């Protein structure tokens, strides 16, 4: 990381913090600033952007870390479904903060509704700032991660603002990663 590399092909990325989809052409110089949860935050001359793991090859990255995540997901299959869901939520990161959304204290509620033989996950989460344009992208990432749990038929992720997020909501693990304790 922190070394400038040219993209090997065109990629779609999400601009940070606006959340807008942008196109980064091949040969665009980027610096990877964060690589967590299968996404890559890169600095470009136009600012920060998030690149999906599907486009890791454009960064010259092999998929070894993806294989490790898949192996961990396989190991989790014997765990109760709700634990599998929480495991997936811990793979979702704010692209500007190196702590997952669970340990950041952004997930307020996560329930499994299995009425009528249909397993549905409902998540209420917030963001570190109400005006964050990345909210829909982070919520969509959380929903996509939940949907990787085999038994889940639907996942609903709702952004809520009450109570307002504050740093006291960060877990001890999150505070340690951020150097707060």
Protein backbone atom coordinates (compact mmCIF):
# COMPACT_ATOMS: atom_id res chain seq x y z
CA UNK A 1 0.00 0.00 0.00
CA UNK A 2 0.91 3.68 -0.32
CA UNK A 3 2.63 2.96 -3.63
CA UNK A 4 1.22 4.49 -6.79
CA UNK A 5 0.09 1.89 -9.33
CA UNK A 6 -1.67 2.29 -12.68
CA UNK A 7 -5.00 0.54 -13.20
CA UNK A 8 -4.59 -2.26 -15.75
CA UNK A 9 -8.10 -1.77 -17.15
CA UNK A 10 -11.17 0.47 -16.86
CA UNK A 11 -13.15 0.03 -13.63
CA UNK A 12 -16.30 1.41 -12.09
CA UNK A 13 -15.77 2.79 -8.62
CA UNK A 14 -17.75 4.62 -5.97
CA UNK A 15 -16.55 8.13 -5.25
CA UNK A 16 -15.97 8.90 -1.58
CA UNK A 17 -17.72 10.60 0.15
CA UNK A 18 -20.44 11.42 -2.41
CA UNK A 19 -21.33 7.79 -3.17
CA UNK A 20 -21.55 8.53 -6.90
CA UNK A 21 -20.52 5.85 -9.39
CA UNK A 22 -17.53 6.95 -11.44
CA UNK A 23 -15.43 5.40 -14.18
CA UNK A 24 -11.68 5.14 -13.71
CA UNK A 25 -9.91 4.50 -17.02
CA UNK A 26 -7.02 2.10 -17.53
CA UNK A 27 -3.63 3.61 -16.62
CA UNK A 28 -5.17 5.91 -13.98
CA UNK A 29 -2.57 6.16 -11.21
CA UNK A 30 -4.02 5.13 -7.83
CA UNK A 31 -2.72 4.54 -4.32
CA UNK A 32 -4.46 1.87 -2.24
CA UNK A 33 -5.19 3.45 1.14
CA UNK A 34 -7.34 0.68 2.62
CA UNK A 35 -7.97 -2.95 1.76
CA UNK A 36 -10.61 -4.46 4.04
CA UNK A 37 -13.66 -6.64 3.62
CA UNK A 38 -12.91 -7.31 -0.01
CA UNK A 39 -13.09 -3.69 -1.12
CA UNK A 40 -10.27 -1.30 -1.88
CA UNK A 41 -10.17 2.39 -1.07
CA UNK A 42 -7.89 4.18 -3.51
CA UNK A 43 -6.63 7.73 -3.75
CA UNK A 44 -6.72 9.26 -7.22
CA UNK A 45 -5.97 12.75 -8.47
CA UNK A 46 -9.74 13.36 -8.17
CA UNK A 47 -9.97 12.14 -4.55
CA UNK A 48 -10.90 8.86 -2.89
CA UNK A 49 -12.83 6.02 -4.51
CA UNK A 50 -13.89 2.50 -3.52
CA UNK A 51 -13.17 -0.38 -5.89
CA UNK A 52 -14.99 -3.71 -5.56
CA UNK A 53 -13.20 -7.03 -5.08
CA UNK A 54 -14.53 -8.01 -8.52
CA UNK A 55 -12.11 -5.46 -9.95
CA UNK A 56 -9.09 -6.34 -7.77
CA UNK A 57 -7.27 -7.63 -10.84
CA UNK A 58 -7.22 -4.08 -12.24
CA UNK A 59 -5.16 -3.18 -9.17
CA UNK A 60 -2.78 -6.07 -9.81
CA UNK A 61 -4.09 -7.94 -6.77
CA UNK A 62 -4.54 -11.69 -6.75
CA UNK A 63 -7.60 -13.14 -5.08
CA UNK A 64 -5.83 -14.97 -2.22
CA UNK A 65 -7.63 -12.84 0.38
CA UNK A 66 -10.95 -13.60 -1.31
CA UNK A 67 -10.20 -17.32 -1.08
CA UNK A 68 -9.45 -16.91 2.64
CA UNK A 69 -12.80 -15.13 3.16
CA UNK A 70 -14.62 -17.89 1.28
CA UNK A 71 -12.91 -20.50 3.47
CA UNK A 72 -13.94 -18.64 6.65
CA UNK A 73 -17.51 -18.38 5.32
CA UNK A 74 -17.48 -22.16 4.75
CA UNK A 75 -16.31 -22.71 8.34
CA UNK A 76 -19.18 -20.53 9.59
CA UNK A 77 -21.86 -22.64 7.85
CA UNK A 78 -22.26 -24.88 10.89
CA UNK A 79 -22.91 -21.87 13.15
CA UNK A 80 -26.45 -20.65 13.87
CA UNK A 81 -27.81 -18.50 11.04
CA UNK A 82 -27.82 -15.27 13.06
CA UNK A 83 -24.12 -15.79 13.89
CA UNK A 84 -23.43 -16.23 10.18
CA UNK A 85 -25.24 -12.95 9.53
CA UNK A 86 -23.18 -11.11 12.16
CA UNK A 87 -20.02 -12.63 10.65
CA UNK A 88 -21.00 -11.20 7.26
CA UNK A 89 -21.76 -7.78 8.74
CA UNK A 90 -18.24 -7.76 10.21
CA UNK A 91 -16.93 -7.92 6.63
CA UNK A 92 -18.48 -4.53 5.78
CA UNK A 93 -16.30 -1.46 6.19
CA UNK A 94 -16.69 2.27 5.94
CA UNK A 95 -14.19 3.01 3.16
CA UNK A 96 -12.57 5.79 5.19
CA UNK A 97 -12.32 4.00 8.55
CA UNK A 98 -10.38 0.73 9.09
CA UNK A 99 -13.03 -0.76 11.40
CA UNK A 100 -16.03 -2.87 10.37
CA UNK A 101 -19.56 -1.51 10.78
CA UNK A 102 -20.31 -3.82 13.74
CA UNK A 103 -17.27 -2.73 15.77
CA UNK A 104 -17.87 0.89 14.77
CA UNK A 105 -21.23 0.57 16.51
CA UNK A 106 -23.18 1.36 13.35
CA UNK A 107 -25.45 -1.71 13.54
CA UNK A 108 -28.24 -0.95 16.01
CA UNK A 109 -30.41 -4.01 15.43
CA UNK A 110 -30.19 -7.28 13.53
CA UNK A 111 -33.05 -9.77 13.67
CA UNK A 112 -33.94 -12.96 11.90
CA UNK A 113 -37.61 -13.40 11.03
CA UNK A 114 -38.39 -16.95 9.97
CA UNK A 115 -42.17 -16.74 9.86
CA UNK A 116 -43.94 -18.60 7.07
CA UNK A 117 -40.82 -20.70 6.38
CA UNK A 118 -39.07 -17.70 4.86
CA UNK A 119 -35.90 -16.47 6.55
CA UNK A 120 -35.64 -12.68 6.39
CA UNK A 121 -32.97 -10.56 8.07
CA UNK A 122 -33.85 -7.03 9.17
CA UNK A 123 -30.99 -4.68 10.01
CA UNK A 124 -31.18 -1.16 11.37
CA UNK A 125 -27.94 0.70 11.04
CA UNK A 126 -26.63 4.23 11.02
CA UNK A 127 -23.62 6.11 9.71
CA UNK A 128 -20.93 8.13 11.44
CA UNK A 129 -22.40 11.28 9.85
CA UNK A 130 -25.96 11.83 8.57
CA UNK A 131 -24.79 13.54 5.37
CA UNK A 132 -22.47 10.71 4.32
CA UNK A 133 -23.07 9.97 0.65
CA UNK A 134 -21.63 6.48 1.12
CA UNK A 135 -24.67 5.40 3.17
CA UNK A 136 -26.51 3.66 0.33
CA UNK A 137 -23.29 1.92 -0.79
CA UNK A 138 -22.48 0.68 2.72
CA UNK A 139 -26.09 -0.48 3.25
CA UNK A 140 -26.06 -2.26 -0.12
CA UNK A 141 -22.76 -3.93 0.80
CA UNK A 142 -24.29 -5.11 4.10
CA UNK A 143 -27.35 -6.46 2.30
CA UNK A 144 -25.22 -8.27 -0.30
CA UNK A 145 -23.07 -9.83 2.45
CA UNK A 146 -26.14 -11.04 4.35
CA UNK A 147 -27.55 -12.58 1.19
CA UNK A 148 -24.46 -14.81 0.93
CA UNK A 149 -25.81 -16.81 3.89
CA UNK A 150 -27.46 -19.76 2.14
CA UNK A 151 -30.68 -19.97 4.16
CA UNK A 152 -31.48 -16.25 3.91
CA UNK A 153 -34.17 -15.42 1.36
CA UNK A 154 -34.30 -11.66 1.89
CA UNK A 155 -32.32 -8.99 3.71
CA UNK A 156 -33.59 -5.53 4.53
CA UNK A 157 -31.10 -2.92 5.65
CA UNK A 158 -32.56 0.34 6.88
CA UNK A 159 -30.53 3.48 7.62
CA UNK A 160 -31.75 5.15 10.81
CA UNK A 161 -30.61 8.30 12.59
CA UNK A 162 -31.98 7.80 16.08
CA UNK A 163 -30.08 7.58 18.27
CA UNK A 164 -27.38 9.65 16.61
CA UNK A 165 -24.09 7.78 16.37
CA UNK A 166 -21.23 8.86 18.63
CA UNK A 167 -17.77 7.52 19.42
CA UNK A 168 -18.96 5.87 22.63
CA UNK A 169 -20.77 3.31 20.43
CA UNK A 170 -17.47 1.94 19.11
CA UNK A 171 -16.65 -1.42 20.68
CA UNK A 172 -13.46 -1.98 22.64
CA UNK A 173 -12.06 -3.93 19.67
CA UNK A 174 -12.88 -1.02 17.36
CA UNK A 175 -11.31 1.51 19.72
CA UNK A 176 -8.15 -0.60 19.86
CA UNK A 177 -7.94 -0.70 16.05
CA UNK A 178 -8.36 3.07 15.95
CA UNK A 179 -5.74 3.63 18.66
CA UNK A 180 -8.32 5.15 21.02
CA UNK A 181 -7.30 2.86 23.91
